[in-house]
Amino acid sequence: MFPLFPLPWLPPPLRRLLRAESSAEDVVRGSSCAEAAAPKPVAAAGAITAPLQGTVLDVPVKAGQAVKAGQVLVVIEAMKMENEVVAPADGTVGSVSVQKGDAVAAGDPLVTLQ
């Protein structure tokens, strides 16, 4: 079914799984995949979330500030590229959940619009 020769390019947990030394649950529980399965923070209604993983470079808005559609809310650096997160519609900034220098994951709440 699977090749009998060693598969050095596979991570050790997957090699053990392919050799049937452990079940899939044991492999996930013992590897870094378990961290990825941790629940993410739930974004509230009206929350603007991070589109990708990166570092916050700038937050040019403050709570209570009126914003227009297309206005930059947060600038995130990912892979040496600056990515602007913009307001999808006119509104007022309810809260800002990040500050300059914070590391964010995809889906993390950044700003809440009202």
Protein backbone atom coordinates (compact mmCIF):
# COMPACT_ATOMS: atom_id res chain seq x y z
CA MET A 1 0.00 0.00 0.00
CA PHE A 2 2.70 2.50 1.01
CA PRO A 3 6.34 2.33 0.00
CA LEU A 4 8.58 0.30 2.28
CA PHE A 5 11.56 2.62 1.92
CA PRO A 6 12.04 5.47 4.43
CA LEU A 7 10.33 8.73 3.63
CA PRO A 8 12.82 11.30 4.97
CA TRP A 9 10.91 14.23 3.48
CA LEU A 10 7.89 13.52 5.71
CA PRO A 11 7.73 14.82 9.28
CA PRO A 12 8.24 12.03 11.87
CA PRO A 13 4.58 12.03 13.05
CA LEU A 14 3.38 11.33 9.51
CA ARG A 15 6.02 8.66 9.00
CA ARG A 16 4.77 6.91 12.17
CA LEU A 17 1.20 7.14 10.91
CA LEU A 18 2.13 5.68 7.52
CA ARG A 19 3.95 2.82 9.24
CA ALA A 20 0.82 2.28 11.39
CA GLU A 21 2.80 2.74 14.63
CA SER A 22 0.09 5.02 15.96
CA SER A 23 -3.40 6.20 15.21
CA ALA A 24 -4.17 9.55 13.61
CA GLU A 25 -5.38 10.87 16.97
CA ASP A 26 -2.02 10.07 18.60
CA VAL A 27 -0.13 11.79 15.80
CA VAL A 28 -2.23 14.97 16.02
CA ARG A 29 -2.16 15.04 19.82
CA GLY A 30 1.63 14.70 19.90
CA SER A 31 2.51 17.14 17.13
CA SER A 32 2.28 20.85 16.56
CA CYS A 33 -0.98 20.25 14.68
CA ALA A 34 -2.76 20.27 18.05
CA GLU A 35 -1.89 23.96 18.43
CA ALA A 36 -3.44 24.73 15.06
CA ALA A 37 -6.66 23.04 16.19
CA ALA A 38 -7.05 25.45 19.13
CA PRO A 39 -10.18 27.58 18.82
CA LYS A 40 -9.74 31.05 17.39
CA PRO A 41 -11.26 34.11 19.01
CA VAL A 42 -14.77 34.68 17.72
CA ALA A 43 -15.22 37.98 15.91
CA ALA A 44 -18.22 40.03 16.94
CA ALA A 45 -20.78 41.30 14.44
CA GLY A 46 -19.29 44.33 12.70
CA ALA A 47 -15.75 43.17 13.46
CA ILE A 48 -13.08 43.58 10.83
CA THR A 49 -10.73 40.60 10.95
CA ALA A 50 -7.16 40.04 9.76
CA PRO A 51 -7.15 38.61 6.23
CA LEU A 52 -3.75 36.98 6.81
CA GLN A 53 -1.09 36.32 9.41
CA GLY A 54 1.42 39.11 10.01
CA THR A 55 2.58 42.01 12.18
CA VAL A 56 0.60 45.21 12.71
CA LEU A 57 2.61 48.13 11.32
CA ASP A 58 0.09 50.94 11.82
CA VAL A 59 -3.37 51.61 13.23
CA PRO A 60 -4.37 55.04 11.90
CA VAL A 61 -7.85 55.00 13.52
CA LYS A 62 -9.03 55.39 17.10
CA ALA A 63 -12.19 54.31 18.92
CA GLY A 64 -15.04 56.74 18.25
CA GLN A 65 -13.60 57.99 14.96
CA ALA A 66 -15.92 58.22 11.93
CA VAL A 67 -14.63 56.33 8.88
CA LYS A 68 -15.68 56.13 5.25
CA ALA A 69 -15.79 53.05 3.03
CA GLY A 70 -12.30 52.29 1.72
CA GLN A 71 -10.48 54.17 4.49
CA VAL A 72 -7.44 52.34 5.88
CA LEU A 73 -8.08 50.88 9.33
CA VAL A 74 -4.97 48.75 9.92
CA VAL A 75 -1.74 48.08 8.02
CA ILE A 76 -0.36 44.53 8.36
CA GLU A 77 3.08 43.40 7.20
CA ALA A 78 3.27 39.85 5.88
CA MET A 79 6.24 38.46 3.98
CA LYS A 80 7.82 41.95 3.67
CA MET A 81 4.64 43.28 2.01
CA GLU A 82 2.36 45.89 3.53
CA ASN A 83 -1.33 44.97 3.38
CA GLU A 84 -3.97 47.59 4.09
CA VAL A 85 -7.19 46.50 5.80
CA VAL A 86 -9.90 48.96 4.76
CA ALA A 87 -13.38 49.78 6.00
CA PRO A 88 -16.04 47.90 4.01
CA ALA A 89 -18.64 50.61 4.66
CA ASP A 90 -19.12 54.00 6.34
CA GLY A 91 -19.37 53.83 10.11
CA THR A 92 -17.83 54.63 13.46
CA VAL A 93 -14.95 52.73 15.02
CA GLY A 94 -16.36 51.01 18.11
CA SER A 95 -13.12 49.49 19.38
CA VAL A 96 -9.58 48.77 18.26
CA SER A 97 -8.29 45.34 19.34
CA VAL A 98 -4.67 45.65 18.15
CA GLN A 99 -1.79 48.06 18.43
CA LYS A 100 1.41 48.66 16.50
CA GLY A 101 3.79 45.70 16.76
CA ASP A 102 1.16 43.05 17.58
CA ALA A 103 1.36 39.70 15.81
CA VAL A 104 -1.98 38.63 14.34
CA ALA A 105 -3.24 35.40 12.80
CA ALA A 106 -5.71 35.17 9.94
CA GLY A 107 -9.22 35.74 11.32
CA ASP A 108 -8.15 37.63 14.46
CA PRO A 109 -10.41 40.63 15.21
CA LEU A 110 -8.73 43.97 14.48
CA VAL A 111 -11.38 46.70 14.64
CA THR A 112 -15.10 46.77 15.37
CA LEU A 113 -17.29 49.09 13.29
CA GLN A 114 -20.69 50.35 14.37
